[in-house]
Protein backbone atom coordinates (compact mmCIF):
# COMPACT_ATOMS: atom_id res chain seq x y z
CA UNK A 1 1.70 -53.64 -2.53
CA UNK A 2 3.75 -51.39 -0.32
CA UNK A 3 5.86 -48.59 -1.81
CA UNK A 4 9.36 -48.02 -0.01
CA UNK A 5 12.17 -45.70 -0.78
CA UNK A 6 15.42 -46.93 -2.35
CA UNK A 7 17.91 -45.95 0.39
CA UNK A 8 20.84 -45.86 -2.20
CA UNK A 9 19.19 -43.37 -4.29
CA UNK A 10 17.44 -41.23 -1.60
CA UNK A 11 19.17 -38.36 0.05
CA UNK A 12 18.31 -35.10 1.63
CA UNK A 13 19.99 -32.08 0.10
CA UNK A 14 19.68 -28.41 0.04
CA UNK A 15 18.22 -26.86 -3.06
CA UNK A 16 21.28 -24.71 -3.60
CA UNK A 17 23.22 -27.75 -4.18
CA UNK A 18 20.99 -28.81 -6.89
CA UNK A 19 19.48 -32.10 -7.70
CA UNK A 20 18.00 -34.06 -10.69
CA UNK A 21 14.45 -35.10 -11.20
CA UNK A 22 12.57 -36.33 -14.10
CA UNK A 23 14.99 -34.91 -16.60
CA UNK A 24 15.46 -31.64 -14.99
CA UNK A 25 18.26 -30.24 -12.82
CA UNK A 26 16.81 -28.15 -9.98
CA UNK A 27 18.96 -25.46 -8.54
CA UNK A 28 18.72 -22.23 -6.50
CA UNK A 29 20.46 -19.35 -7.84
CA UNK A 30 20.74 -15.71 -7.17
CA UNK A 31 18.74 -13.40 -9.41
CA UNK A 32 20.44 -9.97 -9.90
CA UNK A 33 17.27 -8.50 -11.41
CA UNK A 34 15.15 -9.42 -8.49
CA UNK A 35 17.99 -9.24 -5.96
CA UNK A 36 16.81 -12.47 -4.33
CA UNK A 37 17.44 -16.36 -4.59
CA UNK A 38 15.19 -18.08 -7.17
CA UNK A 39 14.63 -21.81 -7.88
CA UNK A 40 15.46 -22.71 -11.51
CA UNK A 41 15.18 -25.96 -13.43
CA UNK A 42 16.90 -26.66 -16.77
CA UNK A 43 17.50 -29.84 -18.88
CA UNK A 44 19.71 -32.37 -17.10
CA UNK A 45 23.05 -33.10 -18.75
CA UNK A 46 22.02 -36.79 -19.24
CA UNK A 47 18.68 -35.76 -20.79
CA UNK A 48 20.65 -33.64 -23.42
CA UNK A 49 22.95 -36.50 -24.27
CA UNK A 50 19.79 -38.66 -24.75
CA UNK A 51 18.33 -36.02 -26.95
CA UNK A 52 21.48 -35.85 -29.00
CA UNK A 53 21.48 -39.63 -29.45
CA UNK A 54 17.92 -39.81 -30.48
CA UNK A 55 18.52 -37.14 -33.03
CA UNK A 56 21.53 -38.93 -34.43
CA UNK A 57 19.59 -42.31 -34.54
CA UNK A 58 16.78 -40.77 -36.19
CA UNK A 59 18.72 -39.26 -39.03
CA UNK A 60 20.88 -42.44 -39.53
CA UNK A 61 17.78 -44.75 -39.64
CA UNK A 62 16.59 -42.90 -42.98
CA UNK A 63 18.01 -44.35 -46.13
CA UNK A 64 20.49 -42.19 -47.89
CA UNK A 65 18.25 -42.06 -51.07
CA UNK A 66 15.49 -40.46 -49.27
CA UNK A 67 14.76 -36.62 -49.88
CA UNK A 68 16.06 -34.18 -47.20
CA UNK A 69 12.43 -33.24 -46.64
CA UNK A 70 11.54 -36.78 -45.31
CA UNK A 71 14.58 -36.65 -42.88
CA UNK A 72 13.60 -33.32 -41.70
CA UNK A 73 9.92 -34.55 -41.08
CA UNK A 74 11.10 -37.40 -39.11
CA UNK A 75 13.54 -35.20 -37.16
CA UNK A 76 10.87 -32.57 -36.38
CA UNK A 77 8.83 -35.02 -34.44
CA UNK A 78 11.65 -35.71 -32.16
CA UNK A 79 12.31 -31.93 -31.68
CA UNK A 80 8.85 -31.23 -31.17
CA UNK A 81 8.51 -33.81 -28.44
CA UNK A 82 11.66 -32.59 -26.71
CA UNK A 83 10.44 -28.89 -26.85
CA UNK A 84 7.10 -29.78 -25.50
CA UNK A 85 8.57 -31.65 -22.38
CA UNK A 86 11.19 -29.11 -21.63
CA UNK A 87 9.12 -26.06 -22.37
CA UNK A 88 8.42 -25.53 -18.72
CA UNK A 89 12.01 -24.99 -17.59
CA UNK A 90 14.66 -22.58 -18.42
CA UNK A 91 15.57 -24.53 -21.55
CA UNK A 92 16.43 -21.84 -24.19
CA UNK A 93 20.36 -22.28 -24.06
CA UNK A 94 19.78 -25.98 -24.30
CA UNK A 95 17.39 -25.53 -27.19
CA UNK A 96 20.11 -23.41 -29.08
CA UNK A 97 22.42 -26.24 -28.79
CA UNK A 98 20.04 -28.85 -29.75
CA UNK A 99 19.02 -26.85 -32.92
CA UNK A 100 22.82 -26.60 -33.90
CA UNK A 101 23.30 -30.38 -33.27
CA UNK A 102 20.25 -31.15 -35.36
CA UNK A 103 21.80 -29.16 -38.27
CA UNK A 104 25.12 -30.63 -37.90
CA UNK A 105 23.57 -34.23 -38.11
CA UNK A 106 21.67 -32.98 -41.30
CA UNK A 107 24.74 -31.78 -42.81
CA UNK A 108 26.57 -35.18 -42.06
CA UNK A 109 23.59 -36.91 -43.68
CA UNK A 110 23.98 -34.65 -46.98
CA UNK A 111 27.70 -35.49 -46.93
CA UNK A 112 27.10 -39.20 -46.85
CA UNK A 113 24.25 -38.80 -49.34
CA UNK A 114 26.43 -37.05 -51.86
CA UNK A 115 29.65 -38.86 -51.14
CA UNK A 116 31.24 -35.59 -50.03
CA UNK A 117 34.43 -36.11 -48.20
CA UNK A 118 35.45 -32.31 -47.66
CA UNK A 119 34.57 -30.55 -44.54
CA UNK A 120 33.13 -27.52 -46.23
CA UNK A 121 29.55 -28.85 -45.48
CA UNK A 122 28.59 -25.53 -43.61
CA UNK A 123 29.33 -23.47 -46.61
CA UNK A 124 27.43 -25.76 -48.85
CA UNK A 125 24.46 -26.50 -46.51
CA UNK A 126 24.15 -23.59 -43.93
CA UNK A 127 21.57 -23.77 -41.38
CA UNK A 128 19.09 -21.70 -43.29
CA UNK A 129 19.21 -24.37 -46.10
CA UNK A 130 17.64 -26.80 -43.55
CA UNK A 131 15.09 -24.29 -42.00
CA UNK A 132 13.86 -23.29 -45.49
CA UNK A 133 12.96 -26.90 -46.14
CA UNK A 134 10.92 -27.12 -42.79
CA UNK A 135 13.15 -27.85 -40.00
CA UNK A 136 11.74 -26.69 -36.75
CA UNK A 137 13.79 -23.95 -34.89
CA UNK A 138 13.78 -25.55 -31.46
CA UNK A 139 13.99 -22.20 -29.38
CA UNK A 140 11.08 -20.85 -31.15
CA UNK A 141 9.11 -24.26 -30.26
CA UNK A 142 9.61 -23.36 -26.67
CA UNK A 143 7.87 -20.08 -26.97
CA UNK A 144 4.90 -21.40 -29.02
CA UNK A 145 1.67 -21.90 -27.09
CA UNK A 146 0.68 -25.54 -26.65
CA UNK A 147 -2.76 -26.55 -27.84
């Protein structure tokens, strides 16, 4: 079996223009701290969209009668997997957005569970409500040692 390149997908580009590979976007950017160009990688937009979709599907797959701790435990598996994969890049900003999205989805779950039509879910169930019940804080997972 002979491997060949797909001519439609393969192109030569300069790293300053950026390219996507294995879920990351690679770019060259100027570092004001080091006064030089450095290569950075961060989660690709498509990867972030897929992660949000997985979180939403995971929360919706749990029956409404289940306790919130069970929903959080299922969601933590997804969040840990994302953090373990994207730990090697500049993923902190993306992790903040993902943590916020996870809390928003849990808030929607709680509104569906308790038949709350109002939009005051953030006051009733702030982010710390979910973190006290065991939800993993994604930016902290990025900094944790693997092992």
